[in-house]
Amino acid sequence: MKINRVWAVYWSATGNTAAVVSAAADALAKALDCPRETADFTLPQARERELSFGPDELAVLGTPTYAGRVPNKLVPYIRERIRGGGALAAAAVTFGNRSFDNALAELCALLEADGFCTVAAAAFVGQHAFAAQLAPGRPDAGDLRQAEAFAVRIAEKVRGLAEPPAPVQVPGDPDAPYYVPKGMDGQPAKFLKAKPLADPEKCTRCGLCARLCPMGAIDPGDVSQVPGTCIKCQSCVAHCPQGARYFDDPAFLSHRAMLEESFRDRKEPVFFL
């Protein structure tokens, strides 16, 4: 098949998913000798527009794994506003060194339902949004090299196709229950209503956290207030130049401690073609 354009398409609150999707898309565009475009739908205003693709295009589309699935607040946008139009797609998820569970299977199913032909899929490790001790600094240089090598394999597969392929097969159940976070006591940790705080001694009221909040949850007029829905993506924590944003919810902190204690062994990316 002849591909005339490669796309890097992603939602990436802390930058991990953007890094691996971009590395793969860059390598694919080079291997297929075609231009590369970007569609970043992380911010609310970006999700106001529809994304449409065509049969001569290939999209590397990625999201993080939240509670073992595609973040549920993103599903309506992916389902209703992204149109595959017969384009090929490589699905990619990132996970914080615990497990990608059913996220990749769910993303592949969403893309197929959107009109894409999934040609490949991958799960990459990224530094855990909650726990900096899990996979610190990842995706690292080795992860990005693996993303590039994966892209070369996709390009080889695409060049050998005479017609759209059967959907790529990945493990998991797209409709499986969400992962239930647990605390140090082994019991479910309930922190759905937890919201980030702003340290008044550090916060300069620059407003960056409000501008970068993927849910538009932070009040730009008073960033100490979070009236909207917080999905605990940690964008505000990760991007605050003063280190002023933090969570102090006991259940959240207990879950973070459990993760740091239980999932330190290095995990590696997983690829499906």
C-alpha atoms as a PDB file:
ATOM      1  CA  MET A   1       0.000   0.000   0.000  1.00  0.00           C
ATOM      2  CA  LYS A   2       1.114   3.524  -0.725  1.00  0.00           C
ATOM      3  CA  ILE A   3       0.993   5.883   2.259  1.00  0.00           C
ATOM      4  CA  ASN A   4       1.175   9.597   1.496  1.00  0.00           C
ATOM      5  CA  ARG A   5       1.043  10.984   5.031  1.00  0.00           C
ATOM      6  CA  VAL A   6       1.851   9.800   8.560  1.00  0.00           C
ATOM      7  CA  TRP A   7       0.175  11.302  11.616  1.00  0.00           C
ATOM      8  CA  ALA A   8       1.208  11.435  15.263  1.00  0.00           C
ATOM      9  CA  VAL A   9      -2.098  11.618  17.149  1.00  0.00           C
ATOM     10  CA  TYR A  10      -2.168  11.619  20.927  1.00  0.00           C
ATOM     11  CA  TRP A  11      -3.490  12.664  24.312  1.00  0.00           C
ATOM     12  CA  SER A  12      -0.557  13.184  26.635  1.00  0.00           C
ATOM     13  CA  ALA A  13      -0.939  14.966  29.978  1.00  0.00           C
ATOM     14  CA  THR A  14       2.666  14.583  31.137  1.00  0.00           C
ATOM     15  CA  GLY A  15       4.450  14.081  27.789  1.00  0.00           C
ATOM     16  CA  ASN A  16       5.182  10.344  27.884  1.00  0.00           C
ATOM     17  CA  THR A  17       2.651   9.324  25.246  1.00  0.00           C
ATOM     18  CA  ALA A  18       3.631  12.244  23.022  1.00  0.00           C
ATOM     19  CA  ALA A  19       7.273  11.133  23.162  1.00  0.00           C
ATOM     20  CA  VAL A  20       6.748   7.544  22.023  1.00  0.00           C
ATOM     21  CA  VAL A  21       4.060   8.349  19.451  1.00  0.00           C
ATOM     22  CA  SER A  22       6.205  11.117  17.948  1.00  0.00           C
ATOM     23  CA  ALA A  23       9.296   8.897  17.810  1.00  0.00           C
ATOM     24  CA  ALA A  24       7.360   6.157  16.027  1.00  0.00           C
ATOM     25  CA  ALA A  25       5.645   8.570  13.632  1.00  0.00           C
ATOM     26  CA  ASP A  26       8.932  10.281  12.734  1.00  0.00           C
ATOM     27  CA  ALA A  27      10.554   6.935  11.956  1.00  0.00           C
ATOM     28  CA  LEU A  28       7.531   5.794   9.960  1.00  0.00           C
ATOM     29  CA  ALA A  29       7.469   8.957   7.868  1.00  0.00           C
ATOM     30  CA  LYS A  30      11.169   8.532   7.120  1.00  0.00           C
ATOM     31  CA  ALA A  31      10.794   4.860   6.238  1.00  0.00           C
ATOM     32  CA  LEU A  32       7.772   5.517   4.022  1.00  0.00           C
ATOM     33  CA  ASP A  33       9.262   8.715   2.561  1.00  0.00           C
ATOM     34  CA  CYS A  34       6.247  10.902   3.251  1.00  0.00           C
ATOM     35  CA  PRO A  35       5.376  13.957   5.366  1.00  0.00           C
ATOM     36  CA  ARG A  36       4.447  13.734   9.040  1.00  0.00           C
ATOM     37  CA  GLU A  37       1.722  15.749  10.780  1.00  0.00           C
ATOM     38  CA  THR A  38       0.685  16.077  14.418  1.00  0.00           C
ATOM     39  CA  ALA A  39      -2.755  16.108  16.038  1.00  0.00           C
ATOM     40  CA  ASP A  40      -2.477  16.670  19.789  1.00  0.00           C
ATOM     41  CA  PHE A  41      -5.911  16.442  21.452  1.00  0.00           C
ATOM     42  CA  THR A  42      -4.699  16.813  25.035  1.00  0.00           C
ATOM     43  CA  LEU A  43      -6.284  20.207  25.742  1.00  0.00           C
ATOM     44  CA  PRO A  44     -10.052  20.777  25.816  1.00  0.00           C
ATOM     45  CA  GLN A  45     -10.039  23.242  22.924  1.00  0.00           C
ATOM     46  CA  ALA A  46      -8.313  20.686  20.699  1.00  0.00           C
ATOM     47  CA  ARG A  47     -11.162  18.254  21.317  1.00  0.00           C
ATOM     48  CA  GLU A  48     -13.671  20.725  19.910  1.00  0.00           C
ATOM     49  CA  ARG A  49     -12.630  19.844  16.374  1.00  0.00           C
ATOM     50  CA  GLU A  50     -13.087  16.647  14.417  1.00  0.00           C
ATOM     51  CA  LEU A  51     -10.122  14.693  13.104  1.00  0.00           C
ATOM     52  CA  SER A  52     -10.611  12.986   9.750  1.00  0.00           C
ATOM     53  CA  PHE A  53      -8.236  10.723   7.855  1.00  0.00           C
ATOM     54  CA  GLY A  54      -8.188   8.924   4.509  1.00  0.00           C
ATOM     55  CA  PRO A  55      -7.105   5.604   2.989  1.00  0.00           C
ATOM     56  CA  ASP A  56      -3.677   6.912   1.940  1.00  0.00           C
ATOM     57  CA  GLU A  57      -2.772   7.924   5.506  1.00  0.00           C
ATOM     58  CA  LEU A  58      -1.366   6.147   8.559  1.00  0.00           C
ATOM     59  CA  ALA A  59      -1.982   7.382  12.088  1.00  0.00           C
ATOM     60  CA  VAL A  60       0.047   6.421  15.137  1.00  0.00           C
ATOM     61  CA  LEU A  61      -2.582   7.103  17.790  1.00  0.00           C
ATOM     62  CA  GLY A  62      -1.774   6.941  21.468  1.00  0.00           C
ATOM     63  CA  THR A  63      -3.225   7.435  24.933  1.00  0.00           C
ATOM     64  CA  PRO A  64      -2.032   6.578  28.424  1.00  0.00           C
ATOM     65  CA  THR A  65      -3.495   3.737  30.476  1.00  0.00           C
ATOM     66  CA  TYR A  66      -5.745   4.872  33.329  1.00  0.00           C
ATOM     67  CA  ALA A  67      -7.109   2.169  35.650  1.00  0.00           C
ATOM     68  CA  GLY A  68      -6.272  -0.455  33.039  1.00  0.00           C
ATOM     69  CA  ARG A  69      -8.287   1.156  30.256  1.00  0.00           C
ATOM     70  CA  VAL A  70      -8.277   4.128  27.889  1.00  0.00           C
ATOM     71  CA  PRO A  71      -9.045   7.195  30.068  1.00  0.00           C
ATOM     72  CA  ASN A  72     -12.834   7.192  30.185  1.00  0.00           C
ATOM     73  CA  LYS A  73     -13.125  10.955  29.642  1.00  0.00           C
ATOM     74  CA  LEU A  74     -11.416  10.526  26.264  1.00  0.00           C
ATOM     75  CA  VAL A  75     -13.572   7.727  24.938  1.00  0.00           C
ATOM     76  CA  PRO A  76     -16.471   9.938  23.748  1.00  0.00           C
ATOM     77  CA  TYR A  77     -14.082  12.134  21.758  1.00  0.00           C
ATOM     78  CA  ILE A  78     -12.299   9.178  20.155  1.00  0.00           C
ATOM     79  CA  ARG A  79     -15.607   7.502  19.392  1.00  0.00           C
ATOM     80  CA  GLU A  80     -17.503  10.532  18.109  1.00  0.00           C
ATOM     81  CA  ARG A  81     -14.970  13.011  16.704  1.00  0.00           C
ATOM     82  CA  ILE A  82     -12.200  10.922  15.133  1.00  0.00           C
ATOM     83  CA  ARG A  83     -12.941   9.497  11.694  1.00  0.00           C
ATOM     84  CA  GLY A  84     -10.612   6.866  10.278  1.00  0.00           C
ATOM     85  CA  GLY A  85     -11.940   6.889   6.721  1.00  0.00           C
ATOM     86  CA  GLY A  86     -10.086   3.704   5.845  1.00  0.00           C
ATOM     87  CA  ALA A  87      -6.704   4.939   7.102  1.00  0.00           C
ATOM     88  CA  LEU A  88      -4.241   2.559   8.644  1.00  0.00           C
ATOM     89  CA  ALA A  89      -3.575   2.937  12.367  1.00  0.00           C
ATOM     90  CA  ALA A  90      -0.933   1.845  14.821  1.00  0.00           C
ATOM     91  CA  ALA A  91      -2.418   1.935  18.315  1.00  0.00           C
ATOM     92  CA  ALA A  92      -0.131   2.831  21.213  1.00  0.00           C
ATOM     93  CA  VAL A  93      -0.683   3.058  24.945  1.00  0.00           C
ATOM     94  CA  THR A  94       1.680   3.990  27.734  1.00  0.00           C
ATOM     95  CA  PHE A  95       1.594   2.532  31.234  1.00  0.00           C
ATOM     96  CA  GLY A  96       3.384   3.344  34.466  1.00  0.00           C
ATOM     97  CA  ASN A  97       5.313   0.109  34.990  1.00  0.00           C
ATOM     98  CA  ARG A  98       2.346  -1.781  36.467  1.00  0.00           C
ATOM     99  CA  SER A  99       0.335  -3.122  33.492  1.00  0.00           C
ATOM    100  CA  PHE A 100      -1.512  -1.891  30.434  1.00  0.00           C
ATOM    101  CA  ASP A 101      -4.253  -4.410  31.270  1.00  0.00           C
ATOM    102  CA  ASN A 102      -7.049  -3.930  28.704  1.00  0.00           C
ATOM    103  CA  ALA A 103      -6.162  -0.443  27.471  1.00  0.00           C
ATOM    104  CA  LEU A 104      -4.550  -1.530  24.211  1.00  0.00           C
ATOM    105  CA  ALA A 105      -7.386  -3.902  23.334  1.00  0.00           C
ATOM    106  CA  GLU A 106      -9.873  -1.118  24.035  1.00  0.00           C
ATOM    107  CA  LEU A 107      -7.974   1.437  21.940  1.00  0.00           C
ATOM    108  CA  CYS A 108      -7.736  -0.983  19.004  1.00  0.00           C
ATOM    109  CA  ALA A 109     -11.472  -1.677  19.216  1.00  0.00           C
ATOM    110  CA  LEU A 110     -12.253   2.040  19.294  1.00  0.00           C
ATOM    111  CA  LEU A 111     -10.077   2.695  16.250  1.00  0.00           C
ATOM    112  CA  GLU A 112     -11.597  -0.149  14.257  1.00  0.00           C
ATOM    113  CA  ALA A 113     -15.072   1.169  15.116  1.00  0.00           C
ATOM    114  CA  ASP A 114     -13.950   4.622  13.958  1.00  0.00           C
ATOM    115  CA  GLY A 115     -13.125   3.291  10.498  1.00  0.00           C
ATOM    116  CA  PHE A 116      -9.387   2.700  10.866  1.00  0.00           C
ATOM    117  CA  CYS A 117      -7.628  -0.494   9.830  1.00  0.00           C
ATOM    118  CA  THR A 118      -5.322  -1.351  12.716  1.00  0.00           C
ATOM    119  CA  VAL A 119      -2.042  -2.602  11.343  1.00  0.00           C
ATOM    120  CA  ALA A 120       0.007  -2.683  14.558  1.00  0.00           C
ATOM    121  CA  ALA A 121      -0.172  -1.977  18.275  1.00  0.00           C
ATOM    122  CA  ALA A 122       2.225  -1.373  21.140  1.00  0.00           C
ATOM    123  CA  ALA A 123       2.369  -0.694  24.867  1.00  0.00           C
ATOM    124  CA  PHE A 124       5.224   1.488  26.122  1.00  0.00           C
ATOM    125  CA  VAL A 125       6.428   2.160  29.647  1.00  0.00           C
ATOM    126  CA  GLY A 126       6.419   5.736  30.929  1.00  0.00           C
ATOM    127  CA  GLN A 127       7.184   7.246  34.307  1.00  0.00           C
ATOM    128  CA  HIS A 128       4.110   6.698  36.453  1.00  0.00           C
ATOM    129  CA  ALA A 129       2.055   9.875  36.754  1.00  0.00           C
ATOM    130  CA  PHE A 130       1.346   9.194  40.435  1.00  0.00           C
ATOM    131  CA  ALA A 131       4.676   7.762  41.512  1.00  0.00           C
ATOM    132  CA  ALA A 132       7.942   9.223  40.235  1.00  0.00           C
ATOM    133  CA  GLN A 133       9.863   6.228  41.599  1.00  0.00           C
ATOM    134  CA  LEU A 134       8.154   3.960  39.060  1.00  0.00           C
ATOM    135  CA  ALA A 135       9.946   3.939  35.699  1.00  0.00           C
ATOM    136  CA  PRO A 136      11.716   7.264  36.395  1.00  0.00           C
ATOM    137  CA  GLY A 137      12.800   9.091  33.268  1.00  0.00           C
ATOM    138  CA  ARG A 138      10.941   6.778  30.931  1.00  0.00           C
ATOM    139  CA  PRO A 139      10.386   6.578  28.082  1.00  0.00           C
ATOM    140  CA  ASP A 140      14.183   6.667  27.990  1.00  0.00           C
ATOM    141  CA  ALA A 141      16.542   6.581  25.013  1.00  0.00           C
ATOM    142  CA  GLY A 142      16.232   2.799  24.798  1.00  0.00           C
ATOM    143  CA  ASP A 143      12.438   2.976  24.748  1.00  0.00           C
ATOM    144  CA  LEU A 144      12.500   5.541  21.950  1.00  0.00           C
ATOM    145  CA  ARG A 145      14.907   3.406  19.923  1.00  0.00           C
ATOM    146  CA  GLN A 146      12.461   0.519  20.317  1.00  0.00           C
ATOM    147  CA  ALA A 147       9.645   2.787  19.125  1.00  0.00           C
ATOM    148  CA  GLU A 148      11.683   3.657  16.048  1.00  0.00           C
ATOM    149  CA  ALA A 149      12.512   0.009  15.362  1.00  0.00           C
ATOM    150  CA  PHE A 150       8.827  -0.850  15.750  1.00  0.00           C
ATOM    151  CA  ALA A 151       8.009   1.812  13.165  1.00  0.00           C
ATOM    152  CA  VAL A 152      10.447   0.288  10.690  1.00  0.00           C
ATOM    153  CA  ARG A 153       8.682  -3.064  11.091  1.00  0.00           C
ATOM    154  CA  ILE A 154       5.313  -1.365  10.508  1.00  0.00           C
ATOM    155  CA  ALA A 155       6.667   0.254   7.336  1.00  0.00           C
ATOM    156  CA  GLU A 156       7.846  -3.141   6.056  1.00  0.00           C
ATOM    157  CA  LYS A 157       4.419  -4.612   6.723  1.00  0.00           C
ATOM    158  CA  VAL A 158       2.625  -1.713   5.034  1.00  0.00           C
ATOM    159  CA  ARG A 159       4.788  -1.899   1.907  1.00  0.00           C
ATOM    160  CA  GLY A 160       3.847  -5.570   1.583  1.00  0.00           C
ATOM    161  CA  LEU A 161       0.088  -4.975   1.788  1.00  0.00           C
ATOM    162  CA  ALA A 162      -2.038  -5.173  -1.346  1.00  0.00           C
ATOM    163  CA  GLU A 163      -5.239  -4.390   0.565  1.00  0.00           C
ATOM    164  CA  PRO A 164      -6.277  -3.315   4.066  1.00  0.00           C
ATOM    165  CA  PRO A 165      -5.212  -5.919   6.637  1.00  0.00           C
ATOM    166  CA  ALA A 166      -7.259  -7.831   9.171  1.00  0.00           C
ATOM    167  CA  PRO A 167      -7.306  -6.093  12.574  1.00  0.00           C
ATOM    168  CA  VAL A 168      -4.159  -6.539  14.615  1.00  0.00           C
ATOM    169  CA  GLN A 169      -4.655  -9.044  17.428  1.00  0.00           C
ATOM    170  CA  VAL A 170      -3.812  -7.919  20.960  1.00  0.00           C
ATOM    171  CA  PRO A 171      -4.591  -9.483  24.348  1.00  0.00           C
ATOM    172  CA  GLY A 172      -7.276  -8.098  26.611  1.00  0.00           C
ATOM    173  CA  ASP A 173     -10.982  -7.399  26.795  1.00  0.00           C
ATOM    174  CA  PRO A 174     -12.154  -3.957  25.616  1.00  0.00           C
ATOM    175  CA  ASP A 175     -15.153  -4.171  27.945  1.00  0.00           C
ATOM    176  CA  ALA A 176     -13.368  -5.486  31.039  1.00  0.00           C
ATOM    177  CA  PRO A 177     -13.905  -3.740  34.387  1.00  0.00           C
ATOM    178  CA  TYR A 178     -11.554  -0.943  35.345  1.00  0.00           C
ATOM    179  CA  TYR A 179      -8.577  -1.716  37.566  1.00  0.00           C
ATOM    180  CA  VAL A 180      -9.411  -1.019  41.215  1.00  0.00           C
ATOM    181  CA  PRO A 181      -6.563   0.861  42.930  1.00  0.00           C
ATOM    182  CA  LYS A 182      -5.553  -0.443  46.328  1.00  0.00           C
ATOM    183  CA  GLY A 183      -3.812   1.072  49.295  1.00  0.00           C
ATOM    184  CA  MET A 184      -1.027  -0.236  51.473  1.00  0.00           C
ATOM    185  CA  ASP A 185      -3.606  -2.209  53.468  1.00  0.00           C
ATOM    186  CA  GLY A 186      -4.667  -4.136  50.369  1.00  0.00           C
ATOM    187  CA  GLN A 187      -8.124  -2.578  50.400  1.00  0.00           C
ATOM    188  CA  PRO A 188      -9.626  -0.459  47.582  1.00  0.00           C
ATOM    189  CA  ALA A 189      -8.287   3.094  47.711  1.00  0.00           C
ATOM    190  CA  LYS A 190     -11.104   5.543  47.005  1.00  0.00           C
ATOM    191  CA  PHE A 191      -9.811   8.911  45.854  1.00  0.00           C
ATOM    192  CA  LEU A 192     -12.135   9.760  42.989  1.00  0.00           C
ATOM    193  CA  LYS A 193     -12.905  13.177  44.491  1.00  0.00           C
ATOM    194  CA  ALA A 194      -9.283  14.055  45.291  1.00  0.00           C
ATOM    195  CA  LYS A 195      -8.073  17.296  43.714  1.00  0.00           C
ATOM    196  CA  PRO A 196      -4.658  18.970  43.528  1.00  0.00           C
ATOM    197  CA  LEU A 197      -3.753  21.653  46.035  1.00  0.00           C
ATOM    198  CA  ALA A 198      -1.569  24.710  45.481  1.00  0.00           C
ATOM    199  CA  ASP A 199       1.097  25.586  48.049  1.00  0.00           C
ATOM    200  CA  PRO A 200       0.513  29.311  48.702  1.00  0.00           C
ATOM    201  CA  GLU A 201       4.183  29.823  49.612  1.00  0.00           C
ATOM    202  CA  LYS A 202       5.367  28.463  46.262  1.00  0.00           C
ATOM    203  CA  CYS A 203       2.564  29.324  43.843  1.00  0.00           C
ATOM    204  CA  THR A 204       3.176  32.518  41.821  1.00  0.00           C
ATOM    205  CA  ARG A 205      -0.291  32.465  40.210  1.00  0.00           C
ATOM    206  CA  CYS A 206       1.300  32.213  36.757  1.00  0.00           C
ATOM    207  CA  GLY A 207      -1.738  30.256  35.526  1.00  0.00           C
ATOM    208  CA  LEU A 208       0.267  27.628  33.646  1.00  0.00           C
ATOM    209  CA  CYS A 209      -1.500  24.792  35.446  1.00  0.00           C
ATOM    210  CA  ALA A 210      -4.900  26.104  34.369  1.00  0.00           C
ATOM    211  CA  ARG A 211      -3.782  26.551  30.766  1.00  0.00           C
ATOM    212  CA  LEU A 212      -2.369  23.026  30.582  1.00  0.00           C
ATOM    213  CA  CYS A 213      -5.132  21.172  32.458  1.00  0.00           C
ATOM    214  CA  PRO A 214      -6.507  18.597  29.984  1.00  0.00           C
ATOM    215  CA  MET A 215      -9.941  18.800  31.578  1.00  0.00           C
ATOM    216  CA  GLY A 216     -10.047  22.573  32.021  1.00  0.00           C
ATOM    217  CA  ALA A 217     -10.721  21.845  35.682  1.00  0.00           C
ATOM    218  CA  ILE A 218      -8.588  24.584  37.291  1.00  0.00           C
ATOM    219  CA  ASP A 219      -9.992  28.092  37.747  1.00  0.00           C
ATOM    220  CA  PRO A 220      -7.683  30.411  35.735  1.00  0.00           C
ATOM    221  CA  GLY A 221      -8.723  33.341  37.905  1.00  0.00           C
ATOM    222  CA  ASP A 222      -7.788  31.554  41.131  1.00  0.00           C
ATOM    223  CA  VAL A 223      -5.628  28.506  40.503  1.00  0.00           C
ATOM    224  CA  SER A 224      -6.060  27.318  44.077  1.00  0.00           C
ATOM    225  CA  GLN A 225      -9.602  26.366  43.092  1.00  0.00           C
ATOM    226  CA  VAL A 226     -10.401  23.238  41.053  1.00  0.00           C
ATOM    227  CA  PRO A 227     -14.140  23.405  40.360  1.00  0.00           C
ATOM    228  CA  GLY A 228     -14.052  21.039  37.374  1.00  0.00           C
ATOM    229  CA  THR A 229     -13.560  17.309  37.075  1.00  0.00           C
ATOM    230  CA  CYS A 230     -10.025  16.227  37.982  1.00  0.00           C
ATOM    231  CA  ILE A 231      -8.886  12.929  36.476  1.00  0.00           C
ATOM    232  CA  LYS A 232      -5.625  12.838  38.465  1.00  0.00           C
ATOM    233  CA  CYS A 233      -3.540  13.075  35.287  1.00  0.00           C
ATOM    234  CA  GLN A 234      -0.866  15.074  37.191  1.00  0.00           C
ATOM    235  CA  SER A 235      -0.366  17.581  34.382  1.00  0.00           C
ATOM    236  CA  CYS A 236      -0.500  20.449  36.847  1.00  0.00           C
ATOM    237  CA  VAL A 237       1.948  18.711  39.209  1.00  0.00           C
ATOM    238  CA  ALA A 238       4.374  17.806  36.429  1.00  0.00           C
ATOM    239  CA  HIS A 239       4.388  21.182  34.708  1.00  0.00           C
ATOM    240  CA  CYS A 240       4.386  23.606  37.646  1.00  0.00           C
ATOM    241  CA  PRO A 241       7.741  25.444  37.447  1.00  0.00           C
ATOM    242  CA  GLN A 242       7.627  26.143  41.190  1.00  0.00           C
ATOM    243  CA  GLY A 243       6.676  22.634  42.332  1.00  0.00           C
ATOM    244  CA  ALA A 244       3.634  24.145  43.984  1.00  0.00           C
ATOM    245  CA  ARG A 245       0.977  21.618  43.072  1.00  0.00           C
ATOM    246  CA  TYR A 246       0.445  18.415  45.010  1.00  0.00           C
ATOM    247  CA  PHE A 247      -2.093  15.900  46.299  1.00  0.00           C
ATOM    248  CA  ASP A 248      -2.564  15.183  49.993  1.00  0.00           C
ATOM    249  CA  ASP A 249      -5.566  12.852  49.903  1.00  0.00           C
ATOM    250  CA  PRO A 250      -4.725   9.934  52.260  1.00  0.00           C
ATOM    251  CA  ALA A 251      -6.196   7.250  50.000  1.00  0.00           C
ATOM    252  CA  PHE A 252      -4.303   8.624  46.996  1.00  0.00           C
ATOM    253  CA  LEU A 253      -1.032   8.686  48.942  1.00  0.00           C
ATOM    254  CA  SER A 254      -1.607   5.141  50.212  1.00  0.00           C
ATOM    255  CA  HIS A 255      -2.183   3.909  46.657  1.00  0.00           C
ATOM    256  CA  ARG A 256       0.955   5.683  45.475  1.00  0.00           C
ATOM    257  CA  ALA A 257       2.967   4.035  48.266  1.00  0.00           C
ATOM    258  CA  MET A 258       1.565   0.623  47.299  1.00  0.00           C
ATOM    259  CA  LEU A 259       2.571   1.128  43.672  1.00  0.00           C
ATOM    260  CA  GLU A 260       6.079   2.217  44.617  1.00  0.00           C
ATOM    261  CA  GLU A 261       6.511  -0.831  46.828  1.00  0.00           C
ATOM    262  CA  SER A 262       4.979  -3.438  44.493  1.00  0.00           C
ATOM    263  CA  PHE A 263       5.907  -2.526  40.903  1.00  0.00           C
ATOM    264  CA  ARG A 264       9.545  -1.475  40.833  1.00  0.00           C
ATOM    265  CA  ASP A 265      10.851  -4.247  38.565  1.00  0.00           C
ATOM    266  CA  ARG A 266      11.575  -2.821  35.137  1.00  0.00           C
ATOM    267  CA  LYS A 267       8.955  -3.582  32.507  1.00  0.00           C
ATOM    268  CA  GLU A 268       9.641  -3.437  28.780  1.00  0.00           C
ATOM    269  CA  PRO A 269       7.559  -2.315  25.793  1.00  0.00           C
ATOM    270  CA  VAL A 270       5.349  -4.905  24.109  1.00  0.00           C
ATOM    271  CA  PHE A 271       4.668  -4.952  20.348  1.00  0.00           C
ATOM    272  CA  PHE A 272       2.015  -6.558  18.150  1.00  0.00           C
ATOM    273  CA  LEU A 273       2.096  -6.757  14.346  1.00  0.00           C
END
